[in-house]
């Protein structure tokens, strides 16, 4: 299992808005799918960072959305040319 909350602030900097992850070369990484899931949960919950009381539900939602998104990206048909994306810079 991947750790989604190593640093919420670092993910927040990388993922201020959810970007399109399908049909790109190189393919979206698991970290990019996780970051998009985290941003989605933040947006719909209204919490940039959950309280301790909501932490478990928040993390479960991110995990479930990330897993579902990864399955979606693997299964959807590609009817358009692949988009080339700039080389990724890994956060330290």
Foldseek 3Di string as FASTA:
>chain_A
DDDLPPPLVVLCVVPVDQDDQAQAPPHDDLNSLLSNLLNVLCVVVVNSADDPVCNVVSVVSSVVSSVVVVVVRVPDDDPDHGHYDDDDDDDD
